[in-house]
C-alpha atoms as a PDB file:
ATOM      1  CA  UNK A   1      91.128 105.502 111.883  1.00  0.00           C
ATOM      2  CA  UNK A   2      92.615 103.351 109.197  1.00  0.00           C
ATOM      3  CA  UNK A   3      94.198 104.425 105.941  1.00  0.00           C
ATOM      4  CA  UNK A   4      95.523 102.522 102.963  1.00  0.00           C
ATOM      5  CA  UNK A   5      97.621 103.640 100.017  1.00  0.00           C
ATOM      6  CA  UNK A   6      96.627 102.245  96.645  1.00  0.00           C
ATOM      7  CA  UNK A   7      99.769 102.311  94.514  1.00  0.00           C
ATOM      8  CA  UNK A   8      99.235 102.827  90.821  1.00  0.00           C
ATOM      9  CA  UNK A   9     102.021 101.318  88.719  1.00  0.00           C
ATOM     10  CA  UNK A  10     102.140 100.456  85.022  1.00  0.00           C
ATOM     11  CA  UNK A  11     103.644  97.095  86.013  1.00  0.00           C
ATOM     12  CA  UNK A  12     100.358  96.157  87.610  1.00  0.00           C
ATOM     13  CA  UNK A  13      98.316  96.847  84.491  1.00  0.00           C
ATOM     14  CA  UNK A  14      97.166  94.309  81.968  1.00  0.00           C
ATOM     15  CA  UNK A  15      99.676  93.616  79.141  1.00  0.00           C
ATOM     16  CA  UNK A  16      97.212  95.056  76.644  1.00  0.00           C
ATOM     17  CA  UNK A  17      97.386  98.416  78.383  1.00  0.00           C
ATOM     18  CA  UNK A  18     101.175  98.330  78.652  1.00  0.00           C
ATOM     19  CA  UNK A  19     101.500  98.100  74.872  1.00  0.00           C
ATOM     20  CA  UNK A  20      99.329 101.108  74.085  1.00  0.00           C
ATOM     21  CA  UNK A  21     100.549 104.455  75.362  1.00  0.00           C
ATOM     22  CA  UNK A  22      97.399 106.195  74.247  1.00  0.00           C
ATOM     23  CA  UNK A  23      95.231 103.782  76.208  1.00  0.00           C
ATOM     24  CA  UNK A  24      97.373 104.118  79.347  1.00  0.00           C
ATOM     25  CA  UNK A  25      96.806 107.860  79.137  1.00  0.00           C
ATOM     26  CA  UNK A  26      93.122 107.353  78.399  1.00  0.00           C
ATOM     27  CA  UNK A  27      92.600 105.021  81.339  1.00  0.00           C
ATOM     28  CA  UNK A  28      94.849 106.889  83.777  1.00  0.00           C
ATOM     29  CA  UNK A  29      92.127 108.530  85.902  1.00  0.00           C
ATOM     30  CA  UNK A  30      89.698 105.667  85.389  1.00  0.00           C
ATOM     31  CA  UNK A  31      92.336 103.185  86.548  1.00  0.00           C
ATOM     32  CA  UNK A  32      93.021 104.993  89.819  1.00  0.00           C
ATOM     33  CA  UNK A  33      89.310 105.513  90.459  1.00  0.00           C
ATOM     34  CA  UNK A  34      88.405 101.912  89.665  1.00  0.00           C
ATOM     35  CA  UNK A  35      91.238 100.459  91.751  1.00  0.00           C
ATOM     36  CA  UNK A  36      90.259 102.651  94.694  1.00  0.00           C
ATOM     37  CA  UNK A  37      86.639 101.520  94.309  1.00  0.00           C
ATOM     38  CA  UNK A  38      87.561  97.835  94.161  1.00  0.00           C
ATOM     39  CA  UNK A  39      89.874  98.138  97.174  1.00  0.00           C
ATOM     40  CA  UNK A  40      87.314 100.042  99.264  1.00  0.00           C
ATOM     41  CA  UNK A  41      84.603  97.559  98.297  1.00  0.00           C
ATOM     42  CA  UNK A  42      86.825  94.634  99.293  1.00  0.00           C
ATOM     43  CA  UNK A  43      87.762  96.231 102.592  1.00  0.00           C
ATOM     44  CA  UNK A  44      84.110  96.846 103.382  1.00  0.00           C
ATOM     45  CA  UNK A  45      82.750  93.422 102.485  1.00  0.00           C
ATOM     46  CA  UNK A  46      85.681  91.089 103.089  1.00  0.00           C
ATOM     47  CA  UNK A  47      87.924  92.598 105.765  1.00  0.00           C
ATOM     48  CA  UNK A  48      85.698  94.644 108.104  1.00  0.00           C
ATOM     49  CA  UNK A  49      83.306  93.192 110.666  1.00  0.00           C
ATOM     50  CA  UNK A  50      80.601  92.004 110.543  1.00  0.00           C
ATOM     51  CA  UNK A  51      81.216  89.543 107.739  1.00  0.00           C
ATOM     52  CA  UNK A  52      78.512  87.716 105.812  1.00  0.00           C
ATOM     53  CA  UNK A  53      77.299  87.106 102.275  1.00  0.00           C
ATOM     54  CA  UNK A  54      76.900  90.833 101.800  1.00  0.00           C
ATOM     55  CA  UNK A  55      77.167  90.844  98.020  1.00  0.00           C
ATOM     56  CA  UNK A  56      74.269  88.444  97.451  1.00  0.00           C
ATOM     57  CA  UNK A  57      71.983  89.583 100.234  1.00  0.00           C
ATOM     58  CA  UNK A  58      71.100  92.976 101.603  1.00  0.00           C
ATOM     59  CA  UNK A  59      70.443  91.580 105.081  1.00  0.00           C
ATOM     60  CA  UNK A  60      72.699  88.579 105.755  1.00  0.00           C
ATOM     61  CA  UNK A  61      75.683  90.691 106.821  1.00  0.00           C
ATOM     62  CA  UNK A  62      73.445  92.682 109.147  1.00  0.00           C
ATOM     63  CA  UNK A  63      72.008  89.459 110.595  1.00  0.00           C
ATOM     64  CA  UNK A  64      75.533  88.185 111.150  1.00  0.00           C
ATOM     65  CA  UNK A  65      76.322  91.392 113.016  1.00  0.00           C
ATOM     66  CA  UNK A  66      73.186  91.121 115.117  1.00  0.00           C
ATOM     67  CA  UNK A  67      74.133  87.573 116.062  1.00  0.00           C
ATOM     68  CA  UNK A  68      77.598  88.701 117.168  1.00  0.00           C
ATOM     69  CA  UNK A  69      76.122  91.581 119.163  1.00  0.00           C
ATOM     70  CA  UNK A  70      73.594  89.305 120.885  1.00  0.00           C
ATOM     71  CA  UNK A  71      76.355  86.876 121.849  1.00  0.00           C
ATOM     72  CA  UNK A  72      78.626  89.608 123.232  1.00  0.00           C
ATOM     73  CA  UNK A  73      75.837  91.410 125.081  1.00  0.00           C
ATOM     74  CA  UNK A  74      74.791  88.126 126.736  1.00  0.00           C
ATOM     75  CA  UNK A  75      78.357  87.349 127.783  1.00  0.00           C
ATOM     76  CA  UNK A  76      78.781  90.831 129.232  1.00  0.00           C
ATOM     77  CA  UNK A  77      75.465  90.684 131.112  1.00  0.00           C
ATOM     78  CA  UNK A  78      73.614  87.369 131.166  1.00  0.00           C
ATOM     79  CA  UNK A  79      69.875  87.076 131.685  1.00  0.00           C
ATOM     80  CA  UNK A  80      68.846  85.701 135.055  1.00  0.00           C
ATOM     81  CA  UNK A  81      66.818  82.839 133.533  1.00  0.00           C
ATOM     82  CA  UNK A  82      69.681  81.337 131.549  1.00  0.00           C
ATOM     83  CA  UNK A  83      72.061  81.889 134.453  1.00  0.00           C
ATOM     84  CA  UNK A  84      69.827  80.014 136.909  1.00  0.00           C
ATOM     85  CA  UNK A  85      69.610  77.151 134.409  1.00  0.00           C
ATOM     86  CA  UNK A  86      73.407  76.991 134.385  1.00  0.00           C
ATOM     87  CA  UNK A  87      73.441  76.855 138.169  1.00  0.00           C
ATOM     88  CA  UNK A  88      70.912  73.988 138.109  1.00  0.00           C
ATOM     89  CA  UNK A  89      73.355  71.942 136.067  1.00  0.00           C
ATOM     90  CA  UNK A  90      75.793  72.205 138.970  1.00  0.00           C
ATOM     91  CA  UNK A  91      73.452  71.928 141.972  1.00  0.00           C
ATOM     92  CA  UNK A  92      69.705  72.145 141.455  1.00  0.00           C
ATOM     93  CA  UNK A  93      68.926  72.635 145.155  1.00  0.00           C
ATOM     94  CA  UNK A  94      71.268  75.607 145.611  1.00  0.00           C
ATOM     95  CA  UNK A  95      70.229  77.052 142.251  1.00  0.00           C
ATOM     96  CA  UNK A  96      66.622  77.103 143.454  1.00  0.00           C
ATOM     97  CA  UNK A  97      67.834  78.773 146.640  1.00  0.00           C
ATOM     98  CA  UNK A  98      69.392  81.592 144.590  1.00  0.00           C
ATOM     99  CA  UNK A  99      66.269  81.914 142.436  1.00  0.00           C
ATOM    100  CA  UNK A 100      64.088  82.095 145.569  1.00  0.00           C
ATOM    101  CA  UNK A 101      66.214  84.858 147.085  1.00  0.00           C
ATOM    102  CA  UNK A 102      65.990  86.879 143.906  1.00  0.00           C
ATOM    103  CA  UNK A 103      62.249  86.409 143.397  1.00  0.00           C
ATOM    104  CA  UNK A 104      61.513  87.448 146.962  1.00  0.00           C
ATOM    105  CA  UNK A 105      64.061  90.288 146.762  1.00  0.00           C
ATOM    106  CA  UNK A 106      65.156  89.163 150.192  1.00  0.00           C
ATOM    107  CA  UNK A 107      68.909  89.627 150.018  1.00  0.00           C
ATOM    108  CA  UNK A 108      70.504  90.122 146.548  1.00  0.00           C
ATOM    109  CA  UNK A 109      73.960  90.275 148.118  1.00  0.00           C
ATOM    110  CA  UNK A 110      73.479  86.913 149.811  1.00  0.00           C
ATOM    111  CA  UNK A 111      72.149  85.483 146.536  1.00  0.00           C
ATOM    112  CA  UNK A 112      75.303  86.725 144.781  1.00  0.00           C
ATOM    113  CA  UNK A 113      77.510  85.067 147.431  1.00  0.00           C
ATOM    114  CA  UNK A 114      75.760  81.708 147.020  1.00  0.00           C
ATOM    115  CA  UNK A 115      75.869  81.998 143.216  1.00  0.00           C
ATOM    116  CA  UNK A 116      79.563  82.922 143.269  1.00  0.00           C
ATOM    117  CA  UNK A 117      80.411  79.931 145.428  1.00  0.00           C
ATOM    118  CA  UNK A 118      78.387  77.598 143.230  1.00  0.00           C
ATOM    119  CA  UNK A 119      79.463  78.995 139.861  1.00  0.00           C
ATOM    120  CA  UNK A 120      83.155  79.314 140.733  1.00  0.00           C
ATOM    121  CA  UNK A 121      83.338  82.910 139.465  1.00  0.00           C
ATOM    122  CA  UNK A 122      82.409  86.262 140.978  1.00  0.00           C
ATOM    123  CA  UNK A 123      78.727  86.902 140.211  1.00  0.00           C
ATOM    124  CA  UNK A 124      76.940  90.246 140.511  1.00  0.00           C
ATOM    125  CA  UNK A 125      73.197  90.783 140.136  1.00  0.00           C
ATOM    126  CA  UNK A 126      71.837  93.969 138.588  1.00  0.00           C
ATOM    127  CA  UNK A 127      68.304  95.157 138.016  1.00  0.00           C
ATOM    128  CA  UNK A 128      68.940  96.455 134.495  1.00  0.00           C
ATOM    129  CA  UNK A 129      71.534  96.276 131.728  1.00  0.00           C
ATOM    130  CA  UNK A 130      74.293  98.881 131.655  1.00  0.00           C
ATOM    131  CA  UNK A 131      76.443 100.144 128.781  1.00  0.00           C
ATOM    132  CA  UNK A 132      79.454  99.699 131.061  1.00  0.00           C
ATOM    133  CA  UNK A 133      78.936  95.909 131.103  1.00  0.00           C
ATOM    134  CA  UNK A 134      79.494  95.727 127.369  1.00  0.00           C
ATOM    135  CA  UNK A 135      82.278  98.289 126.951  1.00  0.00           C
ATOM    136  CA  UNK A 136      84.379  97.073 129.878  1.00  0.00           C
ATOM    137  CA  UNK A 137      84.144  93.405 128.813  1.00  0.00           C
ATOM    138  CA  UNK A 138      85.103  93.994 125.163  1.00  0.00           C
ATOM    139  CA  UNK A 139      88.649  93.139 124.164  1.00  0.00           C
ATOM    140  CA  UNK A 140      89.750  93.443 120.534  1.00  0.00           C
ATOM    141  CA  UNK A 141      86.190  94.150 119.467  1.00  0.00           C
ATOM    142  CA  UNK A 142      84.485  91.192 121.158  1.00  0.00           C
ATOM    143  CA  UNK A 143      83.511  89.694 124.510  1.00  0.00           C
ATOM    144  CA  UNK A 144      85.266  86.364 124.879  1.00  0.00           C
ATOM    145  CA  UNK A 145      83.773  84.977 128.099  1.00  0.00           C
ATOM    146  CA  UNK A 146      81.013  85.520 130.665  1.00  0.00           C
ATOM    147  CA  UNK A 147      81.840  88.638 132.683  1.00  0.00           C
ATOM    148  CA  UNK A 148      79.918  87.661 135.835  1.00  0.00           C
ATOM    149  CA  UNK A 149      77.106  90.211 135.474  1.00  0.00           C
ATOM    150  CA  UNK A 150      73.551  88.871 135.693  1.00  0.00           C
ATOM    151  CA  UNK A 151      70.602  91.078 134.693  1.00  0.00           C
ATOM    152  CA  UNK A 152      67.196  90.643 136.325  1.00  0.00           C
ATOM    153  CA  UNK A 153      65.171  92.815 133.926  1.00  0.00           C
ATOM    154  CA  UNK A 154      65.090  91.109 130.529  1.00  0.00           C
ATOM    155  CA  UNK A 155      63.469  94.071 128.793  1.00  0.00           C
ATOM    156  CA  UNK A 156      66.420  96.310 129.630  1.00  0.00           C
ATOM    157  CA  UNK A 157      68.766  93.848 127.905  1.00  0.00           C
ATOM    158  CA  UNK A 158      66.590  93.703 124.781  1.00  0.00           C
ATOM    159  CA  UNK A 159      66.380  97.504 124.751  1.00  0.00           C
ATOM    160  CA  UNK A 160      70.169  97.768 124.893  1.00  0.00           C
ATOM    161  CA  UNK A 161      70.587  95.211 122.088  1.00  0.00           C
ATOM    162  CA  UNK A 162      68.229  97.153 119.832  1.00  0.00           C
ATOM    163  CA  UNK A 163      70.253 100.332 120.378  1.00  0.00           C
ATOM    164  CA  UNK A 164      73.475  98.555 119.454  1.00  0.00           C
ATOM    165  CA  UNK A 165      71.823  96.948 116.400  1.00  0.00           C
ATOM    166  CA  UNK A 166      71.323 100.438 114.971  1.00  0.00           C
ATOM    167  CA  UNK A 167      75.117 100.890 114.821  1.00  0.00           C
ATOM    168  CA  UNK A 168      75.747  97.695 112.841  1.00  0.00           C
ATOM    169  CA  UNK A 169      77.449  98.524 109.558  1.00  0.00           C
ATOM    170  CA  UNK A 170      78.946 101.817 110.710  1.00  0.00           C
ATOM    171  CA  UNK A 171      82.540 100.544 110.651  1.00  0.00           C
ATOM    172  CA  UNK A 172      81.933  99.347 107.095  1.00  0.00           C
ATOM    173  CA  UNK A 173      80.539 102.751 106.107  1.00  0.00           C
ATOM    174  CA  UNK A 174      84.025 104.139 106.633  1.00  0.00           C
ATOM    175  CA  UNK A 175      84.967 102.501 103.321  1.00  0.00           C
ATOM    176  CA  UNK A 176      82.188 104.238 101.394  1.00  0.00           C
ATOM    177  CA  UNK A 177      83.967 106.718  99.153  1.00  0.00           C
ATOM    178  CA  UNK A 178      82.575 109.115  96.591  1.00  0.00           C
ATOM    179  CA  UNK A 179      83.895 108.186  93.170  1.00  0.00           C
ATOM    180  CA  UNK A 180      82.520 108.586  89.678  1.00  0.00           C
ATOM    181  CA  UNK A 181      82.241 104.799  89.586  1.00  0.00           C
ATOM    182  CA  UNK A 182      79.466 104.960  92.172  1.00  0.00           C
ATOM    183  CA  UNK A 183      80.720 102.552  94.843  1.00  0.00           C
ATOM    184  CA  UNK A 184      78.699 104.206  97.626  1.00  0.00           C
ATOM    185  CA  UNK A 185      75.478 103.793  95.657  1.00  0.00           C
ATOM    186  CA  UNK A 186      76.048 100.020  95.543  1.00  0.00           C
ATOM    187  CA  UNK A 187      76.326  99.519  99.309  1.00  0.00           C
ATOM    188  CA  UNK A 188      73.438  97.797 101.146  1.00  0.00           C
ATOM    189  CA  UNK A 189      71.108 100.100 103.071  1.00  0.00           C
ATOM    190  CA  UNK A 190      72.233  98.830 106.486  1.00  0.00           C
ATOM    191  CA  UNK A 191      75.721 100.146 105.668  1.00  0.00           C
ATOM    192  CA  UNK A 192      74.770 103.234 103.631  1.00  0.00           C
ATOM    193  CA  UNK A 193      72.368 104.478 106.346  1.00  0.00           C
ATOM    194  CA  UNK A 194      75.406 105.652 108.341  1.00  0.00           C
ATOM    195  CA  UNK A 195      76.599 107.955 105.559  1.00  0.00           C
ATOM    196  CA  UNK A 196      79.738 108.051 103.423  1.00  0.00           C
ATOM    197  CA  UNK A 197      82.490 108.103 106.031  1.00  0.00           C
ATOM    198  CA  UNK A 198      85.436 107.299 103.775  1.00  0.00           C
ATOM    199  CA  UNK A 199      87.721 109.657 101.869  1.00  0.00           C
ATOM    200  CA  UNK A 200      89.796 109.291  98.728  1.00  0.00           C
ATOM    201  CA  UNK A 201      92.819 111.467  98.044  1.00  0.00           C
ATOM    202  CA  UNK A 202      95.217 111.550  95.101  1.00  0.00           C
ATOM    203  CA  UNK A 203      98.842 111.979  96.172  1.00  0.00           C
ATOM    204  CA  UNK A 204     101.589 113.860  94.302  1.00  0.00           C
ATOM    205  CA  UNK A 205     103.444 110.655  93.399  1.00  0.00           C
ATOM    206  CA  UNK A 206     100.441 109.327  91.481  1.00  0.00           C
ATOM    207  CA  UNK A 207      99.202 106.940  94.152  1.00  0.00           C
ATOM    208  CA  UNK A 208      95.800 107.139  95.770  1.00  0.00           C
ATOM    209  CA  UNK A 209      94.998 107.009  99.484  1.00  0.00           C
ATOM    210  CA  UNK A 210      91.631 105.817 100.728  1.00  0.00           C
ATOM    211  CA  UNK A 211      90.880 106.311 104.383  1.00  0.00           C
ATOM    212  CA  UNK A 212      88.298 105.011 106.833  1.00  0.00           C
ATOM    213  CA  UNK A 213      87.847 108.005 109.125  1.00  0.00           C
ATOM    214  CA  UNK A 214      86.034 106.253 111.973  1.00  0.00           C
ATOM    215  CA  UNK A 215      87.975 106.087 115.238  1.00  0.00           C
ATOM    216  CA  UNK A 216      87.364 102.344 115.728  1.00  0.00           C
ATOM    217  CA  UNK A 217      88.003 101.335 112.100  1.00  0.00           C
ATOM    218  CA  UNK A 218      91.249  99.554 112.901  1.00  0.00           C
ATOM    219  CA  UNK A 219      89.563  97.534 115.663  1.00  0.00           C
ATOM    220  CA  UNK A 220      86.895  96.305 113.232  1.00  0.00           C
ATOM    221  CA  UNK A 221      89.381  95.323 110.513  1.00  0.00           C
ATOM    222  CA  UNK A 222      90.632  91.783 109.942  1.00  0.00           C
ATOM    223  CA  UNK A 223      94.171  92.812 109.061  1.00  0.00           C
ATOM    224  CA  UNK A 224      95.218  89.331 107.939  1.00  0.00           C
ATOM    225  CA  UNK A 225      92.779  89.656 105.018  1.00  0.00           C
ATOM    226  CA  UNK A 226      94.101  92.999 103.742  1.00  0.00           C
ATOM    227  CA  UNK A 227      96.688  91.481 101.318  1.00  0.00           C
ATOM    228  CA  UNK A 228      93.931  89.262  99.879  1.00  0.00           C
ATOM    229  CA  UNK A 229      91.708  92.316  99.361  1.00  0.00           C
ATOM    230  CA  UNK A 230      94.488  94.264  97.651  1.00  0.00           C
ATOM    231  CA  UNK A 231      95.342  91.393  95.303  1.00  0.00           C
ATOM    232  CA  UNK A 232      91.720  90.808  94.331  1.00  0.00           C
ATOM    233  CA  UNK A 233      91.166  94.531  93.767  1.00  0.00           C
ATOM    234  CA  UNK A 234      94.156  94.700  91.437  1.00  0.00           C
ATOM    235  CA  UNK A 235      93.016  91.624  89.514  1.00  0.00           C
ATOM    236  CA  UNK A 236      89.458  92.940  89.164  1.00  0.00           C
ATOM    237  CA  UNK A 237      90.682  96.337  87.977  1.00  0.00           C
ATOM    238  CA  UNK A 238      93.010  94.913  85.355  1.00  0.00           C
ATOM    239  CA  UNK A 239      90.387  92.489  84.070  1.00  0.00           C
ATOM    240  CA  UNK A 240      87.751  95.219  83.790  1.00  0.00           C
ATOM    241  CA  UNK A 241      90.078  97.551  81.880  1.00  0.00           C
ATOM    242  CA  UNK A 242      91.346  94.754  79.661  1.00  0.00           C
ATOM    243  CA  UNK A 243      87.790  94.166  78.456  1.00  0.00           C
ATOM    244  CA  UNK A 244      87.236  97.912  78.110  1.00  0.00           C
ATOM    245  CA  UNK A 245      90.411  98.199  76.005  1.00  0.00           C
ATOM    246  CA  UNK A 246      89.169  95.414  73.755  1.00  0.00           C
ATOM    247  CA  UNK A 247      85.756  97.048  73.426  1.00  0.00           C
ATOM    248  CA  UNK A 248      87.133 100.456  72.512  1.00  0.00           C
ATOM    249  CA  UNK A 249      89.648  99.073  70.060  1.00  0.00           C
ATOM    250  CA  UNK A 250      87.422  96.527  68.384  1.00  0.00           C
ATOM    251  CA  UNK A 251      88.026  96.618  64.668  1.00  0.00           C
END
């Protein structure tokens, strides 16, 4: 779970709004709503994985996520074909020996011992892909290196990938909040399909708190980008209301 306070302060408003008490009062609720929308939008698109050109394309962010998932799944449990090719780069004769053992199903344990000795890392052969491969190998939201698991049944790996693909965008959906400005309605389908999992709450001191209620939200966030998101949200809010002030007060 990850929460963020959005502080509303007259000092952050455009100078045009500062000079007109009536307009500050008029824009009070709109300002807090719009700033919350801009912050949540920025957190979703620019500071929560997977990243991509989400604003311009409804699919590129999803494709980026699928690419990351495919990479991590393969590192957690590599396909036997690509693994044998890696062994051939080291010793083609012994690699063929391992492949022969596996194809004949003669002695998988012996094949693992030969592969381990040749590869220089503990290797384990499995008939099908397991969720445990992926979850145990993930650190800080990603799989950094090959975990030593080799999967014989390619279809089981593809089946697992497709299941994980269905979850892409869920961490981002934690920033979908219901506001009169309609932020949730503007989210791409691959994010919105998971529902509106964010909340917005006005606090007694006049600030607003938006919260991503998903348990792994913090893990999916790029925290170094949060100050950038907050600054851009403030700038966008002030610019929007500056133009609105000019429109309403046009002589």
